[in-house]
Amino acid sequence: MRTTVTLDENMVRELVKISNAKSKTAAVAMAVKEQIRLAKLKKLADLLGKMDIDEAAILESQQADVKRAKWLDQLAEDSEEMS
């Protein structure tokens, strides 16, 4: 999407320099992405201590993933042996 914005020239020059971006557009896009990432991290940090975590369910899920991976590996081995 093409958008026109007015930015301080010195600020943009500094942004391009410190970001090692190849263009002003790339530098601004990188800065916008970083700002979005930081805002999302802040929202996640604000949730700390406010959510109950079911550790047993997480462990059960991880064990199921390991079991599924072993099963898939065995299927691949069996398939190779039949070839």
N, C-alpha and C. Protein backbone atom coordinates (compact mmCIF):
# COMPACT_ATOMS: atom_id res chain seq x y z
N MET A 1 0.85 -1.17 0.00
CA MET A 1 0.00 0.00 0.00
C MET A 1 0.90 1.23 0.00
N ARG A 2 0.59 2.14 -0.81
CA ARG A 2 1.35 3.37 -0.92
C ARG A 2 0.72 4.42 0.01
N THR A 3 1.57 5.01 0.87
CA THR A 3 1.10 6.03 1.81
C THR A 3 2.08 7.19 1.82
N THR A 4 1.57 8.38 1.85
CA THR A 4 2.42 9.56 1.92
C THR A 4 2.40 10.09 3.34
N VAL A 5 3.59 10.26 3.91
CA VAL A 5 3.71 10.82 5.26
C VAL A 5 4.82 11.87 5.25
N THR A 6 4.72 12.82 6.16
CA THR A 6 5.76 13.84 6.28
C THR A 6 6.58 13.51 7.52
N LEU A 7 7.88 13.27 7.32
CA LEU A 7 8.78 12.92 8.41
C LEU A 7 9.96 13.87 8.43
N ASP A 8 10.51 14.07 9.60
CA ASP A 8 11.70 14.90 9.74
C ASP A 8 12.84 14.27 8.96
N GLU A 9 13.45 15.03 8.06
CA GLU A 9 14.49 14.51 7.18
C GLU A 9 15.69 13.96 7.96
N ASN A 10 16.11 14.67 9.01
CA ASN A 10 17.24 14.21 9.82
C ASN A 10 16.93 12.89 10.53
N MET A 11 15.70 12.76 10.99
CA MET A 11 15.28 11.54 11.67
C MET A 11 15.31 10.35 10.70
N VAL A 12 14.83 10.56 9.50
CA VAL A 12 14.83 9.49 8.50
C VAL A 12 16.25 9.14 8.11
N ARG A 13 17.10 10.14 7.94
CA ARG A 13 18.50 9.90 7.61
C ARG A 13 19.17 9.05 8.69
N GLU A 14 18.90 9.40 9.95
CA GLU A 14 19.48 8.65 11.07
C GLU A 14 18.93 7.23 11.10
N LEU A 15 17.64 7.07 10.84
CA LEU A 15 17.02 5.75 10.82
C LEU A 15 17.66 4.87 9.75
N VAL A 16 17.86 5.41 8.57
CA VAL A 16 18.48 4.65 7.48
C VAL A 16 19.90 4.24 7.90
N LYS A 17 20.62 5.18 8.53
CA LYS A 17 22.00 4.91 8.93
C LYS A 17 22.07 3.81 9.99
N ILE A 18 21.28 3.92 11.05
CA ILE A 18 21.39 2.94 12.14
C ILE A 18 20.75 1.60 11.82
N SER A 19 19.83 1.59 10.86
CA SER A 19 19.17 0.33 10.51
C SER A 19 19.90 -0.42 9.40
N ASN A 20 20.87 0.25 8.77
CA ASN A 20 21.57 -0.33 7.61
C ASN A 20 20.61 -0.72 6.49
N ALA A 21 19.47 -0.04 6.42
CA ALA A 21 18.50 -0.31 5.37
C ALA A 21 19.04 0.24 4.04
N LYS A 22 18.59 -0.36 2.95
CA LYS A 22 19.07 0.05 1.64
C LYS A 22 18.30 1.24 1.08
N SER A 23 17.16 1.54 1.71
CA SER A 23 16.38 2.67 1.23
C SER A 23 15.59 3.27 2.39
N LYS A 24 15.06 4.46 2.17
CA LYS A 24 14.22 5.09 3.18
C LYS A 24 12.97 4.25 3.42
N THR A 25 12.39 3.74 2.35
CA THR A 25 11.19 2.91 2.47
C THR A 25 11.46 1.68 3.32
N ALA A 26 12.58 1.02 3.07
CA ALA A 26 12.92 -0.17 3.84
C ALA A 26 13.13 0.18 5.30
N ALA A 27 13.79 1.30 5.56
CA ALA A 27 14.04 1.72 6.94
C ALA A 27 12.75 2.01 7.69
N VAL A 28 11.85 2.72 7.04
CA VAL A 28 10.57 3.05 7.67
C VAL A 28 9.74 1.79 7.89
N ALA A 29 9.72 0.90 6.91
CA ALA A 29 8.98 -0.35 7.06
C ALA A 29 9.53 -1.16 8.23
N MET A 30 10.86 -1.20 8.35
CA MET A 30 11.50 -1.93 9.44
C MET A 30 11.12 -1.31 10.79
N ALA A 31 11.11 0.01 10.86
CA ALA A 31 10.76 0.70 12.10
C ALA A 31 9.30 0.45 12.48
N VAL A 32 8.42 0.45 11.50
CA VAL A 32 7.00 0.19 11.77
C VAL A 32 6.82 -1.24 12.27
N LYS A 33 7.46 -2.20 11.62
CA LYS A 33 7.37 -3.60 12.06
C LYS A 33 7.89 -3.75 13.49
N GLU A 34 8.99 -3.08 13.80
CA GLU A 34 9.55 -3.16 15.15
C GLU A 34 8.60 -2.56 16.17
N GLN A 35 7.97 -1.46 15.83
CA GLN A 35 7.02 -0.84 16.75
C GLN A 35 5.83 -1.76 17.01
N ILE A 36 5.34 -2.42 15.97
CA ILE A 36 4.23 -3.37 16.12
C ILE A 36 4.67 -4.53 17.02
N ARG A 37 5.89 -5.05 16.78
CA ARG A 37 6.40 -6.16 17.58
C ARG A 37 6.49 -5.77 19.06
N LEU A 38 7.02 -4.57 19.32
CA LEU A 38 7.15 -4.12 20.70
C LEU A 38 5.80 -3.94 21.37
N ALA A 39 4.83 -3.42 20.65
CA ALA A 39 3.48 -3.24 21.21
C ALA A 39 2.86 -4.59 21.56
N LYS A 40 3.07 -5.59 20.69
CA LYS A 40 2.54 -6.93 20.98
C LYS A 40 3.23 -7.55 22.18
N LEU A 41 4.55 -7.36 22.29
CA LEU A 41 5.29 -7.87 23.45
C LEU A 41 4.80 -7.24 24.74
N LYS A 42 4.51 -5.94 24.69
CA LYS A 42 4.00 -5.26 25.87
C LYS A 42 2.66 -5.83 26.29
N LYS A 43 1.80 -6.11 25.31
CA LYS A 43 0.50 -6.71 25.63
C LYS A 43 0.69 -8.07 26.28
N LEU A 44 1.63 -8.87 25.76
CA LEU A 44 1.90 -10.17 26.35
C LEU A 44 2.45 -10.02 27.77
N ALA A 45 3.35 -9.08 27.96
CA ALA A 45 3.93 -8.86 29.28
C ALA A 45 2.86 -8.43 30.28
N ASP A 46 1.90 -7.66 29.82
CA ASP A 46 0.81 -7.22 30.69
C ASP A 46 -0.05 -8.39 31.15
N LEU A 47 -0.03 -9.50 30.41
CA LEU A 47 -0.82 -10.67 30.78
C LEU A 47 -0.14 -11.54 31.84
N LEU A 48 1.16 -11.32 32.04
CA LEU A 48 1.88 -12.14 33.01
C LEU A 48 1.21 -12.06 34.38
N GLY A 49 0.97 -13.23 34.95
CA GLY A 49 0.34 -13.29 36.26
C GLY A 49 -1.16 -13.17 36.22
N LYS A 50 -1.73 -12.96 35.05
CA LYS A 50 -3.18 -12.79 34.94
C LYS A 50 -3.86 -14.01 34.34
N MET A 51 -3.07 -14.99 33.90
CA MET A 51 -3.64 -16.17 33.27
C MET A 51 -3.20 -17.40 34.02
N ASP A 52 -4.11 -18.35 34.17
CA ASP A 52 -3.76 -19.64 34.76
C ASP A 52 -3.27 -20.55 33.65
N ILE A 53 -2.16 -21.21 33.90
CA ILE A 53 -1.58 -22.12 32.92
C ILE A 53 -1.78 -23.55 33.41
N ASP A 54 -2.33 -24.38 32.57
CA ASP A 54 -2.53 -25.79 32.90
C ASP A 54 -1.28 -26.55 32.47
N GLU A 55 -0.31 -26.63 33.37
CA GLU A 55 0.97 -27.25 33.05
C GLU A 55 0.82 -28.72 32.70
N ALA A 56 -0.13 -29.40 33.32
CA ALA A 56 -0.35 -30.82 33.03
C ALA A 56 -0.82 -30.99 31.59
N ALA A 57 -1.67 -30.10 31.12
CA ALA A 57 -2.16 -30.17 29.74
C ALA A 57 -1.03 -29.90 28.76
N ILE A 58 -0.15 -28.96 29.10
CA ILE A 58 0.98 -28.66 28.23
C ILE A 58 1.90 -29.87 28.14
N LEU A 59 2.21 -30.48 29.28
CA LEU A 59 3.06 -31.67 29.31
C LEU A 59 2.43 -32.81 28.51
N GLU A 60 1.15 -33.01 28.69
CA GLU A 60 0.43 -34.06 27.96
C GLU A 60 0.50 -33.81 26.45
N SER A 61 0.35 -32.58 26.05
CA SER A 61 0.42 -32.22 24.63
C SER A 61 1.81 -32.47 24.07
N GLN A 62 2.84 -32.10 24.84
CA GLN A 62 4.21 -32.33 24.40
C GLN A 62 4.50 -33.82 24.26
N GLN A 63 4.01 -34.61 25.19
CA GLN A 63 4.21 -36.06 25.13
C GLN A 63 3.50 -36.65 23.91
N ALA A 64 2.31 -36.15 23.62
CA ALA A 64 1.58 -36.61 22.44
C ALA A 64 2.33 -36.24 21.17
N ASP A 65 2.95 -35.06 21.14
CA ASP A 65 3.74 -34.65 19.97
C ASP A 65 4.93 -35.57 19.77
N VAL A 66 5.62 -35.93 20.85
CA VAL A 66 6.77 -36.83 20.76
C VAL A 66 6.32 -38.20 20.27
N LYS A 67 5.22 -38.69 20.81
CA LYS A 67 4.68 -39.99 20.40
C LYS A 67 4.31 -39.98 18.92
N ARG A 68 3.69 -38.89 18.47
CA ARG A 68 3.29 -38.76 17.06
C ARG A 68 4.52 -38.72 16.16
N ALA A 69 5.57 -38.02 16.58
CA ALA A 69 6.80 -37.93 15.79
C ALA A 69 7.46 -39.30 15.67
N LYS A 70 7.49 -40.06 16.76
CA LYS A 70 8.06 -41.41 16.73
C LYS A 70 7.25 -42.31 15.80
N TRP A 71 5.93 -42.17 15.85
CA TRP A 71 5.05 -42.98 15.00
C TRP A 71 5.31 -42.66 13.52
N LEU A 72 5.45 -41.36 13.21
CA LEU A 72 5.72 -40.96 11.83
C LEU A 72 7.09 -41.47 11.36
N ASP A 73 8.09 -41.40 12.25
CA ASP A 73 9.41 -41.94 11.91
C ASP A 73 9.33 -43.42 11.62
N GLN A 74 8.56 -44.15 12.42
CA GLN A 74 8.42 -45.59 12.21
C GLN A 74 7.72 -45.88 10.89
N LEU A 75 6.71 -45.09 10.56
CA LEU A 75 6.01 -45.25 9.28
C LEU A 75 6.99 -45.04 8.12
N ALA A 76 7.84 -44.04 8.23
CA ALA A 76 8.82 -43.76 7.17
C ALA A 76 9.80 -44.91 7.04
N GLU A 77 10.27 -45.44 8.18
CA GLU A 77 11.20 -46.57 8.14
C GLU A 77 10.55 -47.80 7.50
N ASP A 78 9.32 -48.07 7.90
CA ASP A 78 8.60 -49.22 7.35
C ASP A 78 8.40 -49.07 5.84
N SER A 79 8.12 -47.84 5.41
CA SER A 79 7.91 -47.56 4.00
C SER A 79 9.21 -47.78 3.21
N GLU A 80 10.34 -47.35 3.78
CA GLU A 80 11.64 -47.53 3.13
C GLU A 80 12.00 -49.02 3.02
N GLU A 81 11.66 -49.77 4.04
CA GLU A 81 11.97 -51.21 4.03
C GLU A 81 11.16 -51.94 2.96
N MET A 82 9.95 -51.48 2.68
CA MET A 82 9.10 -52.12 1.69
C MET A 82 9.53 -51.78 0.27
N SER A 83 10.28 -50.68 0.13
CA SER A 83 10.68 -50.25 -1.23
C SER A 83 11.77 -51.10 -1.80
